[in-house]
Amino acid sequence: MKIITYIKKLLPKTTIESGEAFFWSPKHDKITYKASTIDQPIGQWSILHETAHSLLGHLEYSSDLELLQLEVDAWDKAKDLARDIDIKIDENHIQDCLDTYRDWLHRRSTCPKCSVVCIQVTTTLYKCHNCYTSWNVSASRFCRPYRLQTGHKQQEKPKSLTPTFS
């Protein structure tokens, strides 16, 4: 549990407690970790990642892409923390973790009508630039990425994107 002592020195005001999963709660200023894995490499990498979120001041995000960037930043900071205590975080593990976010983002951003990957408009709304379909997604990053098409009347697709000359 040497790693817990290290983290408590970095974050003396943050609560660090055992629980069912690894996560950072900015609302409660608390890092939760799985005690059964804390002495294993993956457990140590995970708690360093959650510690990085805290140290970087990650409080909230306004888009799916921003969430992915916060995750990348936290893993970069976790690697710095790991070096300080002679731990090396496996890059494949980092990419596997980031892939879960990339896959989640891809599923949420893919148009349910024409399968084009689109851009998020609000925290829960995507709109397709190809077929003009709109769909809502859950605000939670822990939910399965359901894509519920909105009941709004869709805009008509332009007849031609090729300019005409007179």
N, C-alpha and C. Protein backbone atom coordinates (compact mmCIF):
# COMPACT_ATOMS: atom_id res chain seq x y z
N MET A 1 0.82 -1.19 0.00
CA MET A 1 0.00 0.00 0.00
C MET A 1 0.86 1.25 0.00
N LYS A 2 2.12 1.08 -0.41
CA LYS A 2 3.04 2.20 -0.53
C LYS A 2 2.49 3.27 -1.47
N ILE A 3 1.78 2.85 -2.49
CA ILE A 3 1.24 3.78 -3.47
C ILE A 3 0.15 4.67 -2.85
N ILE A 4 -0.62 4.14 -1.94
CA ILE A 4 -1.66 4.93 -1.25
C ILE A 4 -1.00 6.03 -0.42
N THR A 5 0.09 5.70 0.26
CA THR A 5 0.83 6.69 1.05
C THR A 5 1.36 7.80 0.15
N TYR A 6 1.89 7.43 -1.00
CA TYR A 6 2.39 8.41 -1.97
C TYR A 6 1.27 9.35 -2.41
N ILE A 7 0.11 8.79 -2.72
CA ILE A 7 -1.01 9.60 -3.20
C ILE A 7 -1.53 10.51 -2.08
N LYS A 8 -1.57 10.00 -0.86
CA LYS A 8 -2.03 10.84 0.27
C LYS A 8 -1.10 12.03 0.50
N LYS A 9 0.19 11.85 0.21
CA LYS A 9 1.11 12.99 0.32
C LYS A 9 0.87 14.01 -0.78
N LEU A 10 0.53 13.53 -1.98
CA LEU A 10 0.23 14.43 -3.09
C LEU A 10 -1.08 15.17 -2.89
N LEU A 11 -2.05 14.47 -2.32
CA LEU A 11 -3.41 15.01 -2.18
C LEU A 11 -3.88 14.86 -0.73
N PRO A 12 -3.31 15.63 0.19
CA PRO A 12 -3.64 15.44 1.61
C PRO A 12 -5.10 15.71 1.98
N LYS A 13 -5.80 16.51 1.20
CA LYS A 13 -7.20 16.83 1.53
C LYS A 13 -8.20 15.91 0.83
N THR A 14 -7.70 15.07 -0.07
CA THR A 14 -8.57 14.17 -0.83
C THR A 14 -8.81 12.88 -0.06
N THR A 15 -10.05 12.42 -0.05
CA THR A 15 -10.38 11.14 0.56
C THR A 15 -9.97 10.04 -0.41
N ILE A 16 -9.29 9.03 0.12
CA ILE A 16 -8.89 7.87 -0.69
C ILE A 16 -9.41 6.63 0.01
N GLU A 17 -10.32 5.92 -0.66
CA GLU A 17 -10.95 4.79 0.01
C GLU A 17 -11.18 3.62 -0.94
N SER A 18 -11.25 2.46 -0.33
CA SER A 18 -11.50 1.23 -1.07
C SER A 18 -12.98 1.17 -1.48
N GLY A 19 -13.22 0.59 -2.66
CA GLY A 19 -14.59 0.44 -3.15
C GLY A 19 -14.67 -0.62 -4.22
N GLU A 20 -15.71 -0.57 -5.01
CA GLU A 20 -15.97 -1.58 -6.04
C GLU A 20 -15.24 -1.32 -7.36
N ALA A 21 -14.78 -0.08 -7.57
CA ALA A 21 -14.14 0.27 -8.84
C ALA A 21 -13.18 1.44 -8.62
N PHE A 22 -12.38 1.72 -9.64
CA PHE A 22 -11.48 2.86 -9.61
C PHE A 22 -12.22 4.06 -10.20
N PHE A 23 -12.29 5.16 -9.45
CA PHE A 23 -12.83 6.38 -10.02
C PHE A 23 -12.50 7.59 -9.17
N TRP A 24 -12.57 8.74 -9.83
CA TRP A 24 -12.34 10.04 -9.21
C TRP A 24 -13.68 10.76 -9.13
N SER A 25 -14.05 11.20 -7.94
CA SER A 25 -15.27 11.97 -7.75
C SER A 25 -14.90 13.41 -7.40
N PRO A 26 -14.98 14.33 -8.37
CA PRO A 26 -14.66 15.72 -8.04
C PRO A 26 -15.66 16.33 -7.07
N LYS A 27 -16.90 15.88 -7.14
CA LYS A 27 -17.95 16.40 -6.25
C LYS A 27 -17.62 16.14 -4.78
N HIS A 28 -17.07 14.96 -4.51
CA HIS A 28 -16.74 14.58 -3.13
C HIS A 28 -15.24 14.65 -2.83
N ASP A 29 -14.45 15.07 -3.82
CA ASP A 29 -12.99 15.10 -3.69
C ASP A 29 -12.50 13.76 -3.13
N LYS A 30 -12.85 12.70 -3.89
CA LYS A 30 -12.56 11.34 -3.42
C LYS A 30 -12.07 10.46 -4.56
N ILE A 31 -11.03 9.69 -4.26
CA ILE A 31 -10.53 8.66 -5.18
C ILE A 31 -10.90 7.32 -4.57
N THR A 32 -11.58 6.51 -5.37
CA THR A 32 -11.96 5.17 -4.92
C THR A 32 -11.14 4.15 -5.69
N TYR A 33 -10.72 3.10 -5.02
CA TYR A 33 -9.90 2.07 -5.66
C TYR A 33 -10.36 0.69 -5.21
N LYS A 34 -10.04 -0.33 -6.02
CA LYS A 34 -10.34 -1.72 -5.68
C LYS A 34 -9.16 -2.29 -4.88
N ALA A 35 -9.39 -2.55 -3.62
CA ALA A 35 -8.32 -3.04 -2.75
C ALA A 35 -7.75 -4.37 -3.23
N SER A 36 -8.58 -5.19 -3.87
CA SER A 36 -8.12 -6.52 -4.31
C SER A 36 -7.09 -6.44 -5.43
N THR A 37 -6.98 -5.28 -6.10
CA THR A 37 -6.03 -5.17 -7.21
C THR A 37 -4.96 -4.10 -6.99
N ILE A 38 -4.98 -3.43 -5.85
CA ILE A 38 -4.09 -2.29 -5.65
C ILE A 38 -2.60 -2.68 -5.62
N ASP A 39 -2.30 -3.92 -5.30
CA ASP A 39 -0.90 -4.36 -5.29
C ASP A 39 -0.46 -4.96 -6.62
N GLN A 40 -1.35 -4.99 -7.59
CA GLN A 40 -1.05 -5.49 -8.92
C GLN A 40 -0.78 -4.31 -9.85
N PRO A 41 0.01 -4.52 -10.90
CA PRO A 41 0.32 -3.41 -11.81
C PRO A 41 -0.92 -2.66 -12.32
N ILE A 42 -1.94 -3.36 -12.79
CA ILE A 42 -3.12 -2.68 -13.34
C ILE A 42 -3.81 -1.85 -12.27
N GLY A 43 -3.86 -2.33 -11.06
CA GLY A 43 -4.46 -1.57 -9.97
C GLY A 43 -3.67 -0.31 -9.67
N GLN A 44 -2.35 -0.42 -9.69
CA GLN A 44 -1.50 0.75 -9.45
C GLN A 44 -1.63 1.75 -10.58
N TRP A 45 -1.68 1.28 -11.82
CA TRP A 45 -1.84 2.18 -12.95
C TRP A 45 -3.18 2.90 -12.86
N SER A 46 -4.21 2.16 -12.46
CA SER A 46 -5.56 2.73 -12.38
C SER A 46 -5.66 3.81 -11.32
N ILE A 47 -5.09 3.57 -10.15
CA ILE A 47 -5.18 4.59 -9.11
C ILE A 47 -4.33 5.82 -9.45
N LEU A 48 -3.23 5.61 -10.14
CA LEU A 48 -2.44 6.76 -10.59
C LEU A 48 -3.21 7.57 -11.62
N HIS A 49 -3.96 6.89 -12.47
CA HIS A 49 -4.80 7.58 -13.47
C HIS A 49 -5.87 8.42 -12.77
N GLU A 50 -6.53 7.86 -11.77
CA GLU A 50 -7.57 8.61 -11.05
C GLU A 50 -6.95 9.77 -10.26
N THR A 51 -5.76 9.55 -9.73
CA THR A 51 -5.03 10.61 -9.03
C THR A 51 -4.71 11.75 -9.99
N ALA A 52 -4.35 11.38 -11.21
CA ALA A 52 -4.04 12.40 -12.23
C ALA A 52 -5.26 13.26 -12.52
N HIS A 53 -6.44 12.66 -12.60
CA HIS A 53 -7.66 13.44 -12.80
C HIS A 53 -7.79 14.50 -11.71
N SER A 54 -7.55 14.09 -10.48
CA SER A 54 -7.65 15.01 -9.35
C SER A 54 -6.62 16.13 -9.45
N LEU A 55 -5.37 15.75 -9.68
CA LEU A 55 -4.30 16.75 -9.76
C LEU A 55 -4.50 17.72 -10.91
N LEU A 56 -5.09 17.25 -12.00
CA LEU A 56 -5.32 18.11 -13.16
C LEU A 56 -6.59 18.97 -13.01
N GLY A 57 -7.32 18.74 -11.93
CA GLY A 57 -8.53 19.53 -11.70
C GLY A 57 -9.67 19.21 -12.65
N HIS A 58 -9.76 17.96 -13.07
CA HIS A 58 -10.83 17.56 -13.97
C HIS A 58 -12.15 17.51 -13.20
N LEU A 59 -13.00 18.47 -13.47
CA LEU A 59 -14.27 18.57 -12.76
C LEU A 59 -15.46 18.16 -13.60
N GLU A 60 -15.47 18.59 -14.85
CA GLU A 60 -16.59 18.28 -15.74
C GLU A 60 -16.13 18.41 -17.18
N TYR A 61 -16.99 18.00 -18.09
CA TYR A 61 -16.71 18.12 -19.51
C TYR A 61 -18.02 18.45 -20.21
N SER A 62 -17.92 19.10 -21.35
CA SER A 62 -19.13 19.53 -22.05
C SER A 62 -19.38 18.78 -23.35
N SER A 63 -18.46 17.93 -23.75
CA SER A 63 -18.68 17.15 -24.97
C SER A 63 -17.96 15.81 -24.86
N ASP A 64 -18.37 14.88 -25.69
CA ASP A 64 -17.76 13.55 -25.71
C ASP A 64 -16.28 13.64 -26.07
N LEU A 65 -15.96 14.50 -27.03
CA LEU A 65 -14.57 14.67 -27.45
C LEU A 65 -13.73 15.26 -26.32
N GLU A 66 -14.30 16.17 -25.58
CA GLU A 66 -13.58 16.75 -24.43
C GLU A 66 -13.31 15.68 -23.37
N LEU A 67 -14.25 14.78 -23.15
CA LEU A 67 -14.04 13.69 -22.21
C LEU A 67 -12.86 12.83 -22.64
N LEU A 68 -12.80 12.51 -23.92
CA LEU A 68 -11.67 11.71 -24.43
C LEU A 68 -10.35 12.45 -24.18
N GLN A 69 -10.33 13.75 -24.41
CA GLN A 69 -9.11 14.53 -24.18
C GLN A 69 -8.72 14.53 -22.71
N LEU A 70 -9.69 14.61 -21.81
CA LEU A 70 -9.40 14.54 -20.37
C LEU A 70 -8.77 13.19 -20.02
N GLU A 71 -9.26 12.14 -20.64
CA GLU A 71 -8.70 10.81 -20.39
C GLU A 71 -7.25 10.72 -20.88
N VAL A 72 -6.98 11.26 -22.05
CA VAL A 72 -5.61 11.27 -22.59
C VAL A 72 -4.70 12.05 -21.64
N ASP A 73 -5.16 13.22 -21.22
CA ASP A 73 -4.36 14.05 -20.31
C ASP A 73 -4.09 13.34 -18.99
N ALA A 74 -5.10 12.65 -18.47
CA ALA A 74 -4.92 11.94 -17.19
C ALA A 74 -3.91 10.81 -17.34
N TRP A 75 -3.94 10.10 -18.46
CA TRP A 75 -2.95 9.03 -18.65
C TRP A 75 -1.54 9.61 -18.81
N ASP A 76 -1.41 10.74 -19.48
CA ASP A 76 -0.09 11.37 -19.59
C ASP A 76 0.44 11.76 -18.21
N LYS A 77 -0.43 12.34 -17.40
CA LYS A 77 -0.02 12.73 -16.04
C LYS A 77 0.27 11.49 -15.18
N ALA A 78 -0.52 10.45 -15.36
CA ALA A 78 -0.30 9.20 -14.61
C ALA A 78 1.09 8.62 -14.92
N LYS A 79 1.51 8.73 -16.18
CA LYS A 79 2.85 8.24 -16.54
C LYS A 79 3.93 9.03 -15.80
N ASP A 80 3.74 10.35 -15.66
CA ASP A 80 4.69 11.18 -14.91
C ASP A 80 4.72 10.76 -13.44
N LEU A 81 3.55 10.55 -12.86
CA LEU A 81 3.47 10.12 -11.45
C LEU A 81 4.14 8.76 -11.27
N ALA A 82 3.91 7.87 -12.20
CA ALA A 82 4.49 6.52 -12.13
C ALA A 82 6.01 6.58 -12.15
N ARG A 83 6.56 7.45 -13.00
CA ARG A 83 8.03 7.59 -13.07
C ARG A 83 8.60 8.03 -11.72
N ASP A 84 7.86 8.90 -11.02
CA ASP A 84 8.31 9.40 -9.72
C ASP A 84 8.48 8.29 -8.69
N ILE A 85 7.74 7.19 -8.85
CA ILE A 85 7.83 6.09 -7.87
C ILE A 85 8.31 4.79 -8.53
N ASP A 86 9.05 4.94 -9.63
CA ASP A 86 9.67 3.81 -10.32
C ASP A 86 8.68 2.74 -10.79
N ILE A 87 7.57 3.19 -11.34
CA ILE A 87 6.59 2.29 -11.95
C ILE A 87 6.51 2.68 -13.42
N LYS A 88 6.37 1.70 -14.28
CA LYS A 88 6.18 1.97 -15.71
C LYS A 88 4.80 1.48 -16.10
N ILE A 89 4.00 2.39 -16.62
CA ILE A 89 2.66 2.02 -17.08
C ILE A 89 2.76 1.51 -18.51
N ASP A 90 2.22 0.33 -18.74
CA ASP A 90 2.24 -0.30 -20.06
C ASP A 90 1.43 0.54 -21.04
N GLU A 91 2.06 0.97 -22.12
CA GLU A 91 1.39 1.80 -23.14
C GLU A 91 0.22 1.07 -23.78
N ASN A 92 0.33 -0.24 -23.93
CA ASN A 92 -0.80 -1.01 -24.48
C ASN A 92 -2.02 -0.94 -23.57
N HIS A 93 -1.78 -0.95 -22.27
CA HIS A 93 -2.88 -0.83 -21.32
C HIS A 93 -3.57 0.54 -21.47
N ILE A 94 -2.76 1.58 -21.59
CA ILE A 94 -3.30 2.93 -21.77
C ILE A 94 -4.15 2.99 -23.03
N GLN A 95 -3.63 2.46 -24.13
CA GLN A 95 -4.37 2.51 -25.39
C GLN A 95 -5.63 1.66 -25.34
N ASP A 96 -5.58 0.53 -24.62
CA ASP A 96 -6.78 -0.29 -24.45
C ASP A 96 -7.85 0.49 -23.69
N CYS A 97 -7.44 1.20 -22.65
CA CYS A 97 -8.39 2.02 -21.88
C CYS A 97 -8.96 3.14 -22.74
N LEU A 98 -8.10 3.82 -23.48
CA LEU A 98 -8.56 4.90 -24.34
C LEU A 98 -9.45 4.38 -25.46
N ASP A 99 -9.18 3.16 -25.92
CA ASP A 99 -10.02 2.57 -26.97
C ASP A 99 -11.47 2.40 -26.50
N THR A 100 -11.68 2.14 -25.20
CA THR A 100 -13.05 2.01 -24.73
C THR A 100 -13.79 3.33 -24.91
N TYR A 101 -13.11 4.45 -24.68
CA TYR A 101 -13.72 5.77 -24.87
C TYR A 101 -13.88 6.08 -26.36
N ARG A 102 -12.87 5.74 -27.15
CA ARG A 102 -12.96 5.98 -28.60
C ARG A 102 -14.12 5.20 -29.21
N ASP A 103 -14.25 3.93 -28.81
CA ASP A 103 -15.34 3.10 -29.33
C ASP A 103 -16.70 3.65 -28.90
N TRP A 104 -16.81 4.06 -27.64
CA TRP A 104 -18.03 4.64 -27.10
C TRP A 104 -18.41 5.90 -27.88
N LEU A 105 -17.42 6.76 -28.10
CA LEU A 105 -17.65 8.01 -28.83
C LEU A 105 -18.09 7.71 -30.27
N HIS A 106 -17.44 6.76 -30.90
CA HIS A 106 -17.78 6.41 -32.29
C HIS A 106 -19.22 5.90 -32.38
N ARG A 107 -19.62 5.04 -31.45
CA ARG A 107 -20.99 4.52 -31.47
C ARG A 107 -22.01 5.64 -31.28
N ARG A 108 -21.72 6.54 -30.36
CA ARG A 108 -22.66 7.65 -30.09
C ARG A 108 -22.75 8.62 -31.27
N SER A 109 -21.64 8.83 -31.95
CA SER A 109 -21.60 9.85 -32.99
C SER A 109 -21.98 9.34 -34.39
N THR A 110 -22.25 8.06 -34.51
CA THR A 110 -22.62 7.49 -35.81
C THR A 110 -24.12 7.64 -36.04
N CYS A 111 -24.47 8.24 -37.15
CA CYS A 111 -25.88 8.49 -37.48
C CYS A 111 -26.64 7.17 -37.55
N PRO A 112 -27.76 7.08 -36.85
CA PRO A 112 -28.55 5.84 -36.89
C PRO A 112 -29.24 5.60 -38.23
N LYS A 113 -29.30 6.63 -39.07
CA LYS A 113 -29.97 6.49 -40.37
C LYS A 113 -29.00 6.17 -41.50
N CYS A 114 -27.90 6.93 -41.60
CA CYS A 114 -27.01 6.74 -42.76
C CYS A 114 -25.59 6.29 -42.37
N SER A 115 -25.31 6.15 -41.10
CA SER A 115 -24.04 5.63 -40.57
C SER A 115 -22.83 6.56 -40.77
N VAL A 116 -23.07 7.82 -41.05
CA VAL A 116 -21.98 8.79 -41.13
C VAL A 116 -21.63 9.22 -39.71
N VAL A 117 -20.34 9.39 -39.43
CA VAL A 117 -19.90 9.88 -38.13
C VAL A 117 -20.08 11.40 -38.11
N CYS A 118 -20.75 11.89 -37.07
CA CYS A 118 -21.16 13.29 -37.01
C CYS A 118 -20.61 14.00 -35.79
N ILE A 119 -20.94 15.27 -35.70
CA ILE A 119 -20.43 16.12 -34.62
C ILE A 119 -21.54 16.37 -33.60
N GLN A 120 -21.15 16.39 -32.34
CA GLN A 120 -22.06 16.63 -31.24
C GLN A 120 -22.48 18.10 -31.22
N VAL A 121 -23.78 18.35 -31.01
CA VAL A 121 -24.31 19.71 -30.97
C VAL A 121 -24.45 20.20 -29.53
N THR A 122 -24.99 19.37 -28.66
CA THR A 122 -25.10 19.66 -27.22
C THR A 122 -24.63 18.42 -26.48
N THR A 123 -24.68 18.45 -25.16
CA THR A 123 -24.22 17.28 -24.39
C THR A 123 -25.00 16.02 -24.72
N THR A 124 -26.24 16.16 -25.18
CA THR A 124 -27.06 14.98 -25.46
C THR A 124 -27.61 14.92 -26.88
N LEU A 125 -27.17 15.82 -27.76
CA LEU A 125 -27.74 15.86 -29.12
C LEU A 125 -26.66 15.83 -30.19
N TYR A 126 -26.87 14.96 -31.16
CA TYR A 126 -26.05 14.91 -32.36
C TYR A 126 -26.94 15.22 -33.56
N LYS A 127 -26.35 15.79 -34.60
CA LYS A 127 -27.06 16.02 -35.86
C LYS A 127 -26.17 15.58 -37.01
N CYS A 128 -26.78 14.94 -37.97
CA CYS A 128 -26.05 14.44 -39.13
C CYS A 128 -25.95 15.52 -40.20
N HIS A 129 -24.76 15.76 -40.67
CA HIS A 129 -24.54 16.73 -41.74
C HIS A 129 -24.80 16.12 -43.12
N ASN A 130 -25.02 14.82 -43.15
CA ASN A 130 -25.26 14.14 -44.41
C ASN A 130 -26.77 14.00 -44.70
N CYS A 131 -27.52 13.44 -43.76
CA CYS A 131 -28.96 13.20 -44.00
C CYS A 131 -29.86 14.05 -43.10
N TYR A 132 -29.26 14.87 -42.25
CA TYR A 132 -29.98 15.81 -41.38
C TYR A 132 -30.79 15.16 -40.28
N THR A 133 -30.50 13.91 -39.96
CA THR A 133 -31.15 13.25 -38.84
C THR A 133 -30.57 13.82 -37.54
N SER A 134 -31.43 13.93 -36.53
CA SER A 134 -30.99 14.32 -35.19
C SER A 134 -31.24 13.15 -34.26
N TRP A 135 -30.39 12.96 -33.27
CA TRP A 135 -30.61 11.92 -32.28
C TRP A 135 -30.05 12.34 -30.93
N ASN A 136 -30.72 11.83 -29.90
CA ASN A 136 -30.30 12.09 -28.53
C ASN A 136 -29.52 10.91 -27.99
N VAL A 137 -28.56 11.23 -27.12
CA VAL A 137 -27.79 10.21 -26.42
C VAL A 137 -27.86 10.51 -24.93
N SER A 138 -27.56 9.55 -24.12
CA SER A 138 -27.56 9.74 -22.67
C SER A 138 -26.43 10.69 -22.28
N ALA A 139 -26.65 11.46 -21.24
CA ALA A 139 -25.60 12.33 -20.73
C ALA A 139 -24.55 11.53 -19.97
N SER A 140 -24.87 10.31 -19.60
CA SER A 140 -23.95 9.49 -18.81
C SER A 140 -22.95 8.77 -19.70
N ARG A 141 -21.70 8.77 -19.27
CA ARG A 141 -20.68 8.03 -20.02
C ARG A 141 -20.68 6.56 -19.65
N PHE A 142 -21.48 6.19 -18.64
CA PHE A 142 -21.53 4.80 -18.21
C PHE A 142 -22.68 4.03 -18.86
N CYS A 143 -23.54 4.73 -19.59
CA CYS A 143 -24.68 4.08 -20.24
C CYS A 143 -24.29 3.53 -21.61
N ARG A 144 -24.99 2.48 -21.98
CA ARG A 144 -24.84 1.96 -23.33
C ARG A 144 -25.23 3.09 -24.29
N PRO A 145 -24.50 3.27 -25.37
CA PRO A 145 -24.76 4.41 -26.26
C PRO A 145 -26.00 4.26 -27.14
N TYR A 146 -27.16 4.40 -26.52
CA TYR A 146 -28.40 4.39 -27.30
C TYR A 146 -28.48 5.67 -28.11
N ARG A 147 -29.02 5.56 -29.30
CA ARG A 147 -29.19 6.73 -30.17
C ARG A 147 -30.67 6.84 -30.51
N LEU A 148 -31.36 7.69 -29.80
CA LEU A 148 -32.79 7.87 -29.98
C LEU A 148 -33.03 9.02 -30.93
N GLN A 149 -33.59 8.70 -32.11
CA GLN A 149 -33.89 9.75 -33.08
C GLN A 149 -34.93 10.69 -32.49
N THR A 150 -34.73 11.98 -32.71
CA THR A 150 -35.66 12.97 -32.18
C THR A 150 -36.91 13.01 -33.03
N GLY A 151 -38.00 13.52 -32.47
CA GLY A 151 -39.27 13.61 -33.18
C GLY A 151 -39.40 14.86 -34.03
N HIS A 152 -38.34 15.67 -34.04
CA HIS A 152 -38.41 16.90 -34.82
C HIS A 152 -38.45 16.60 -36.31
N LYS A 153 -39.16 17.45 -37.02
CA LYS A 153 -39.19 17.32 -38.48
C LYS A 153 -37.79 17.58 -39.01
N GLN A 154 -37.31 16.67 -39.83
CA GLN A 154 -35.96 16.80 -40.37
C GLN A 154 -35.94 17.80 -41.51
N GLN A 155 -34.83 18.51 -41.62
CA GLN A 155 -34.66 19.43 -42.74
C GLN A 155 -34.54 18.62 -44.03
N GLU A 156 -34.96 19.23 -45.09
CA GLU A 156 -34.83 18.57 -46.38
C GLU A 156 -33.38 18.62 -46.82
N LYS A 157 -32.91 17.53 -47.38
CA LYS A 157 -31.54 17.47 -47.88
C LYS A 157 -31.44 18.34 -49.13
N PRO A 158 -30.37 19.14 -49.25
CA PRO A 158 -30.23 19.95 -50.47
C PRO A 158 -30.22 19.06 -51.70
N LYS A 159 -30.81 19.56 -52.78
CA LYS A 159 -30.91 18.77 -54.01
C LYS A 159 -29.55 18.54 -54.64
N SER A 160 -28.66 19.53 -54.57
CA SER A 160 -27.35 19.38 -55.17
C SER A 160 -26.33 20.17 -54.38
N LEU A 161 -25.19 19.59 -54.20
CA LEU A 161 -24.11 20.30 -53.53
C LEU A 161 -23.15 20.88 -54.56
N THR A 162 -23.41 20.63 -55.82
CA THR A 162 -22.56 21.13 -56.91
C THR A 162 -23.05 22.51 -57.31
N PRO A 163 -22.17 23.51 -57.31
CA PRO A 163 -22.62 24.85 -57.68
C PRO A 163 -23.00 24.90 -59.15
N THR A 164 -24.02 25.70 -59.43
CA THR A 164 -24.42 25.89 -60.83
C THR A 164 -23.94 27.24 -61.28
N PHE A 165 -23.55 27.33 -62.53
CA PHE A 165 -23.05 28.58 -63.10
C PHE A 165 -23.95 29.03 -64.21
N SER A 166 -24.19 30.32 -64.32
CA SER A 166 -25.05 30.81 -65.39
C SER A 166 -24.21 31.33 -66.54
